Amino acid sequence: MLEKTGADIIISKEIEKFLMSNLTSLTRFQKAKVETIKLEEINYIEKEKQILKINVPSMRLDAIVGEIARVSRSEANNLLNQERVFVNFKEELRNTKQVEEGDIITIRGKGRFTISNILGQTRSNRINIEVQKW
């Protein structure tokens, strides 16, 4: 975990001695304080999740990706074709895939989003969705 005061690096026990003896010999880390701590002692700060409310014409993946990535639908299709979109941690290439409540959408370079709540339809038959950005 990277912080302003330093970083925690999780490694296996097998390479601990090697890293401890060689890390400080690197010029970049000569002034660094390197120590071994237990896993329970790591300072973990949970990131705040942002709540986004989006309005889409359908629950198709390309429409939702376009809204949460703030790009046009054709650019959303490009993201899908570039293999940068994952649904529930599985790569997805189909722009017509129907997304459901609870699905996790990851867009490389844009972030990870959870479809947390389908709020309902508008008078013009568009769908209001609540999305959490990690």
Protein backbone atom coordinates (compact mmCIF):
# COMPACT_ATOMS: atom_id res chain seq x y z
CA MET A 1 0.00 0.00 0.00
CA LEU A 2 1.49 3.34 -1.04
CA GLU A 3 1.18 6.36 1.24
CA LYS A 4 2.89 9.74 1.59
CA THR A 5 4.99 8.36 4.46
CA GLY A 6 6.04 5.20 2.65
CA ALA A 7 4.84 1.96 1.17
CA ASP A 8 3.94 -1.50 2.41
CA ILE A 9 5.06 -4.34 0.16
CA ILE A 10 3.68 -7.82 0.72
CA ILE A 11 6.18 -10.57 -0.12
CA SER A 12 6.53 -14.28 0.55
CA LYS A 13 8.66 -15.47 3.46
CA GLU A 14 11.03 -17.25 1.04
CA ILE A 15 12.37 -14.03 -0.51
CA GLU A 16 12.35 -11.88 2.64
CA LYS A 17 16.09 -12.28 3.42
CA PHE A 18 17.07 -11.64 -0.18
CA LEU A 19 15.02 -8.45 -0.44
CA MET A 20 16.06 -7.14 2.97
CA SER A 21 19.75 -7.54 2.16
CA ASN A 22 19.61 -6.25 -1.42
CA LEU A 23 16.95 -3.53 -1.40
CA THR A 24 19.00 -0.99 0.54
CA SER A 25 21.97 -1.53 -1.75
CA LEU A 26 19.99 0.06 -4.58
CA THR A 27 20.80 3.76 -4.96
CA ARG A 28 17.14 4.75 -5.02
CA PHE A 29 16.50 3.12 -1.61
CA GLN A 30 19.76 3.93 0.25
CA LYS A 31 18.08 6.49 2.50
CA ALA A 32 14.91 4.42 2.92
CA LYS A 33 14.03 2.71 6.18
CA VAL A 34 13.29 -0.92 5.32
CA GLU A 35 11.79 -3.16 7.98
CA THR A 36 9.82 -6.37 8.28
CA ILE A 37 6.39 -6.16 9.88
CA LYS A 38 3.55 -8.61 10.33
CA LEU A 39 0.62 -8.63 7.94
CA GLU A 40 -1.72 -7.42 10.70
CA GLU A 41 0.44 -4.30 11.20
CA ILE A 42 -0.07 -2.97 7.67
CA ASN A 43 -1.84 0.38 7.59
CA TYR A 44 -4.81 -0.25 5.34
CA ILE A 45 -6.90 2.75 4.37
CA GLU A 46 -10.05 1.86 2.51
CA LYS A 47 -10.70 4.10 -0.47
CA GLU A 48 -13.88 6.10 -0.41
CA LYS A 49 -16.39 4.93 -2.95
CA GLN A 50 -18.07 7.53 -5.14
CA ILE A 51 -21.75 7.18 -5.92
CA LEU A 52 -22.69 8.07 -9.49
CA LYS A 53 -26.21 8.30 -10.84
CA ILE A 54 -26.38 7.67 -14.56
CA ASN A 55 -29.20 7.62 -17.09
CA VAL A 56 -28.96 5.07 -19.93
CA PRO A 57 -31.28 4.05 -22.78
CA SER A 58 -30.83 0.32 -22.02
CA MET A 59 -28.89 -2.10 -19.83
CA ARG A 60 -26.53 -2.93 -22.71
CA LEU A 61 -22.87 -2.97 -21.76
CA ASP A 62 -21.82 -0.40 -24.36
CA ALA A 63 -24.42 2.10 -23.13
CA ILE A 64 -23.35 1.72 -19.50
CA VAL A 65 -19.61 1.80 -20.30
CA GLY A 66 -20.17 4.96 -22.33
CA GLU A 67 -21.87 6.69 -19.41
CA ILE A 68 -19.52 5.63 -16.62
CA ALA A 69 -16.39 6.26 -18.71
CA ARG A 70 -17.89 9.52 -20.02
CA VAL A 71 -17.31 8.61 -23.65
CA SER A 72 -19.59 8.17 -26.66
CA ARG A 73 -21.17 4.80 -27.37
CA SER A 74 -18.84 4.23 -30.34
CA GLU A 75 -15.82 4.99 -28.13
CA ALA A 76 -17.26 2.54 -25.58
CA ASN A 77 -17.35 -0.08 -28.35
CA ASN A 78 -13.69 0.72 -29.06
CA LEU A 79 -12.87 0.08 -25.39
CA LEU A 80 -14.62 -3.29 -25.68
CA ASN A 81 -12.76 -4.14 -28.91
CA GLN A 82 -9.45 -3.17 -27.28
CA GLU A 83 -10.20 -5.80 -24.59
CA ARG A 84 -10.18 -3.18 -21.82
CA VAL A 85 -13.62 -4.01 -20.34
CA PHE A 86 -14.31 -6.77 -17.80
CA VAL A 87 -17.66 -7.78 -16.30
CA ASN A 88 -17.38 -9.60 -12.99
CA PHE A 89 -13.62 -9.95 -13.62
CA LYS A 90 -14.10 -11.72 -16.96
CA GLU A 91 -13.12 -10.06 -20.23
CA GLU A 92 -16.17 -9.06 -22.23
CA LEU A 93 -16.18 -8.27 -25.96
CA ARG A 94 -19.94 -8.29 -26.62
CA ASN A 95 -21.40 -4.79 -26.60
CA THR A 96 -24.91 -6.26 -26.40
CA LYS A 97 -24.34 -8.04 -23.08
CA GLN A 98 -27.11 -7.19 -20.62
CA VAL A 99 -25.73 -5.83 -17.36
CA GLU A 100 -27.56 -6.59 -14.12
CA GLU A 101 -27.69 -5.14 -10.63
CA GLY A 102 -24.64 -6.25 -8.63
CA ASP A 103 -22.37 -6.64 -11.68
CA ILE A 104 -18.84 -5.27 -11.39
CA ILE A 105 -17.53 -3.49 -14.48
CA THR A 106 -13.80 -2.84 -14.75
CA ILE A 107 -12.50 -0.54 -17.48
CA ARG A 108 -8.71 -0.46 -17.76
CA GLY A 109 -7.57 3.13 -17.41
CA LYS A 110 -10.96 4.32 -16.11
CA GLY A 111 -11.64 2.38 -12.91
CA ARG A 112 -13.88 -0.24 -11.36
CA PHE A 113 -17.62 0.25 -11.00
CA THR A 114 -20.43 -1.70 -9.33
CA ILE A 115 -24.02 -1.49 -10.53
CA SER A 116 -25.40 -1.00 -7.04
CA ASN A 117 -29.03 -0.15 -7.70
CA ILE A 118 -31.42 0.11 -10.63
CA LEU A 119 -33.56 3.08 -9.64
CA GLY A 120 -36.27 2.77 -12.28
CA GLN A 121 -37.36 4.23 -15.59
CA THR A 122 -38.00 7.79 -16.62
CA ARG A 123 -41.06 8.91 -18.58
CA SER A 124 -39.00 8.64 -21.76
CA ASN A 125 -38.19 4.98 -20.95
CA ARG A 126 -34.56 5.62 -20.03
CA ILE A 127 -33.15 3.76 -17.01
CA ASN A 128 -31.73 5.49 -13.94
CA ILE A 129 -28.90 3.53 -12.31
CA GLU A 130 -26.83 4.08 -9.19
CA VAL A 131 -23.19 3.11 -9.69
CA GLN A 132 -20.38 2.91 -7.12
CA LYS A 133 -16.91 3.84 -8.33
CA TRP A 134 -14.13 2.13 -6.38
